[in-house]
Amino acid sequence: MKVLLACGGGMSSSILAENLVAEAKRQGNENFSMEATGTEEVSLKMQQEKWDALLLAPQVSFRKEFLQKEADANDIPLIPIEGILYTPMGIPDLYKLIQDKVQK
């Protein structure tokens, strides 16, 4: 599974991505990859590669409408991340949410 995280381009998103990949491996999923990118780069990333889901970091939730159009155009789910899941303690629940949304 390949997931794109739309964020403000900051350090916290990169850490979240690393932790989610580690959680996937802990759960036996070696095929989970994730990349964090700024919201302004999402369109280009969508053209360059195939993604299974688009995550929306809480700090850029104001871009939801724009990113929903990108997700719809690529037939993938847009998954807004609630603040509580955007923490180290929320990683297992966020990973489960991603799995559930992609497997629908």
C-alpha atoms as a PDB file:
ATOM      1  CA  MET A   1       0.000   0.000   0.000  1.00  0.00           C
ATOM      2  CA  LYS A   2       1.291   3.419  -0.964  1.00  0.00           C
ATOM      3  CA  VAL A   3       0.058   6.464   0.965  1.00  0.00           C
ATOM      4  CA  LEU A   4       0.633  10.164   0.327  1.00  0.00           C
ATOM      5  CA  LEU A   5       0.440  12.518   3.312  1.00  0.00           C
ATOM      6  CA  ALA A   6      -0.525  16.102   2.463  1.00  0.00           C
ATOM      7  CA  CYS A   7       0.940  18.422   5.057  1.00  0.00           C
ATOM      8  CA  GLY A   8       2.525  21.785   5.580  1.00  0.00           C
ATOM      9  CA  GLY A   9       5.892  20.307   4.658  1.00  0.00           C
ATOM     10  CA  GLY A  10       7.124  20.220   8.245  1.00  0.00           C
ATOM     11  CA  MET A  11       9.112  17.861  10.414  1.00  0.00           C
ATOM     12  CA  SER A  12       6.111  16.406  12.262  1.00  0.00           C
ATOM     13  CA  SER A  13       4.713  14.873   9.076  1.00  0.00           C
ATOM     14  CA  SER A  14       7.984  13.135   8.267  1.00  0.00           C
ATOM     15  CA  ILE A  15       8.102  11.696  11.780  1.00  0.00           C
ATOM     16  CA  LEU A  16       4.485  10.552  11.471  1.00  0.00           C
ATOM     17  CA  ALA A  17       5.264   8.867   8.142  1.00  0.00           C
ATOM     18  CA  GLU A  18       8.255   7.028   9.631  1.00  0.00           C
ATOM     19  CA  ASN A  19       6.184   5.884  12.610  1.00  0.00           C
ATOM     20  CA  LEU A  20       3.364   4.634  10.378  1.00  0.00           C
ATOM     21  CA  VAL A  21       5.785   2.616   8.251  1.00  0.00           C
ATOM     22  CA  ALA A  22       7.258   1.142  11.446  1.00  0.00           C
ATOM     23  CA  GLU A  23       3.742   0.276  12.697  1.00  0.00           C
ATOM     24  CA  ALA A  24       2.927  -1.445   9.412  1.00  0.00           C
ATOM     25  CA  LYS A  25       6.079  -3.545   9.721  1.00  0.00           C
ATOM     26  CA  ARG A  26       5.199  -4.401  13.342  1.00  0.00           C
ATOM     27  CA  GLN A  27       1.891  -5.701  12.028  1.00  0.00           C
ATOM     28  CA  GLY A  28       3.581  -7.742   9.305  1.00  0.00           C
ATOM     29  CA  ASN A  29       2.907  -5.411   6.377  1.00  0.00           C
ATOM     30  CA  GLU A  30       6.203  -4.997   4.541  1.00  0.00           C
ATOM     31  CA  ASN A  31       4.466  -3.434   1.522  1.00  0.00           C
ATOM     32  CA  PHE A  32       3.369  -0.221   3.247  1.00  0.00           C
ATOM     33  CA  SER A  33       5.094   2.963   2.125  1.00  0.00           C
ATOM     34  CA  MET A  34       4.344   6.569   2.822  1.00  0.00           C
ATOM     35  CA  GLU A  35       5.570   9.934   1.637  1.00  0.00           C
ATOM     36  CA  ALA A  36       4.871  13.355   3.133  1.00  0.00           C
ATOM     37  CA  THR A  37       4.562  16.350   0.829  1.00  0.00           C
ATOM     38  CA  GLY A  38       3.255  19.888   0.952  1.00  0.00           C
ATOM     39  CA  THR A  39      -0.318  20.427  -0.207  1.00  0.00           C
ATOM     40  CA  GLU A  40       0.905  22.430  -3.202  1.00  0.00           C
ATOM     41  CA  GLU A  41       2.806  19.368  -4.482  1.00  0.00           C
ATOM     42  CA  VAL A  42      -0.073  16.862  -4.282  1.00  0.00           C
ATOM     43  CA  SER A  43      -1.280  17.363  -7.874  1.00  0.00           C
ATOM     44  CA  LEU A  44       2.186  16.724  -9.269  1.00  0.00           C
ATOM     45  CA  LYS A  45       2.723  13.673  -7.045  1.00  0.00           C
ATOM     46  CA  MET A  46      -0.614  12.259  -8.196  1.00  0.00           C
ATOM     47  CA  GLN A  47       0.450  12.612 -11.832  1.00  0.00           C
ATOM     48  CA  GLN A  48       3.848  11.018 -11.241  1.00  0.00           C
ATOM     49  CA  GLU A  49       2.836   7.968  -9.208  1.00  0.00           C
ATOM     50  CA  LYS A  50      -0.107   5.746  -8.272  1.00  0.00           C
ATOM     51  CA  TRP A  51      -1.270   6.123  -4.660  1.00  0.00           C
ATOM     52  CA  ASP A  52      -3.728   4.078  -2.614  1.00  0.00           C
ATOM     53  CA  ALA A  53      -4.770   6.856  -0.224  1.00  0.00           C
ATOM     54  CA  LEU A  54      -4.272  10.536   0.481  1.00  0.00           C
ATOM     55  CA  LEU A  55      -3.964  11.591   4.118  1.00  0.00           C
ATOM     56  CA  LEU A  56      -4.712  15.133   5.220  1.00  0.00           C
ATOM     57  CA  ALA A  57      -2.687  16.436   8.176  1.00  0.00           C
ATOM     58  CA  PRO A  58      -4.729  18.414  10.725  1.00  0.00           C
ATOM     59  CA  GLN A  59      -2.711  21.605  10.263  1.00  0.00           C
ATOM     60  CA  VAL A  60      -3.771  21.831   6.601  1.00  0.00           C
ATOM     61  CA  SER A  61      -7.418  20.822   7.010  1.00  0.00           C
ATOM     62  CA  PHE A  62      -8.381  24.124   5.347  1.00  0.00           C
ATOM     63  CA  ARG A  63      -7.188  22.523   2.049  1.00  0.00           C
ATOM     64  CA  LYS A  64      -9.675  19.652   2.315  1.00  0.00           C
ATOM     65  CA  GLU A  65     -11.940  20.769  -0.542  1.00  0.00           C
ATOM     66  CA  PHE A  66      -9.023  21.094  -2.986  1.00  0.00           C
ATOM     67  CA  LEU A  67      -7.495  17.782  -1.915  1.00  0.00           C
ATOM     68  CA  GLN A  68     -10.846  15.986  -2.075  1.00  0.00           C
ATOM     69  CA  LYS A  69     -10.983  16.866  -5.782  1.00  0.00           C
ATOM     70  CA  GLU A  70      -7.487  15.409  -6.263  1.00  0.00           C
ATOM     71  CA  ALA A  71      -8.434  12.229  -4.415  1.00  0.00           C
ATOM     72  CA  ASP A  72     -11.686  11.864  -6.361  1.00  0.00           C
ATOM     73  CA  ALA A  73      -9.904  12.401  -9.684  1.00  0.00           C
ATOM     74  CA  ASN A  74      -7.522   9.573  -8.774  1.00  0.00           C
ATOM     75  CA  ASP A  75     -10.234   7.315  -7.316  1.00  0.00           C
ATOM     76  CA  ILE A  76      -8.587   7.073  -3.895  1.00  0.00           C
ATOM     77  CA  PRO A  77      -9.873   7.930  -0.422  1.00  0.00           C
ATOM     78  CA  LEU A  78      -9.003  11.223   1.248  1.00  0.00           C
ATOM     79  CA  ILE A  79      -8.474  10.516   4.934  1.00  0.00           C
ATOM     80  CA  PRO A  80      -8.459  13.585   7.203  1.00  0.00           C
ATOM     81  CA  ILE A  81      -6.373  12.926  10.313  1.00  0.00           C
ATOM     82  CA  GLU A  82      -7.916  13.971  13.621  1.00  0.00           C
ATOM     83  CA  GLY A  83      -5.517  15.750  15.954  1.00  0.00           C
ATOM     84  CA  ILE A  84      -5.496  12.906  18.485  1.00  0.00           C
ATOM     85  CA  LEU A  85      -4.309  10.472  15.806  1.00  0.00           C
ATOM     86  CA  TYR A  86      -1.507  12.824  14.767  1.00  0.00           C
ATOM     87  CA  THR A  87       0.537  11.789  17.808  1.00  0.00           C
ATOM     88  CA  PRO A  88       2.831   8.868  18.619  1.00  0.00           C
ATOM     89  CA  MET A  89       0.054   7.342  20.759  1.00  0.00           C
ATOM     90  CA  GLY A  90      -2.393   7.562  17.844  1.00  0.00           C
ATOM     91  CA  ILE A  91      -0.219   5.717  15.313  1.00  0.00           C
ATOM     92  CA  PRO A  92      -1.813   2.241  15.753  1.00  0.00           C
ATOM     93  CA  ASP A  93      -5.327   3.678  15.412  1.00  0.00           C
ATOM     94  CA  LEU A  94      -4.330   5.803  12.424  1.00  0.00           C
ATOM     95  CA  TYR A  95      -2.787   2.781  10.718  1.00  0.00           C
ATOM     96  CA  LYS A  96      -6.024   0.823  11.286  1.00  0.00           C
ATOM     97  CA  LEU A  97      -8.072   3.726   9.887  1.00  0.00           C
ATOM     98  CA  ILE A  98      -5.937   3.784   6.733  1.00  0.00           C
ATOM     99  CA  GLN A  99      -6.278   0.014   6.323  1.00  0.00           C
ATOM    100  CA  ASP A 100     -10.056   0.197   6.755  1.00  0.00           C
ATOM    101  CA  LYS A 101     -10.513   3.067   4.266  1.00  0.00           C
ATOM    102  CA  VAL A 102      -8.278   1.566   1.572  1.00  0.00           C
ATOM    103  CA  GLN A 103      -9.785  -1.916   1.792  1.00  0.00           C
ATOM    104  CA  LYS A 104     -13.375  -0.674   1.321  1.00  0.00           C
END
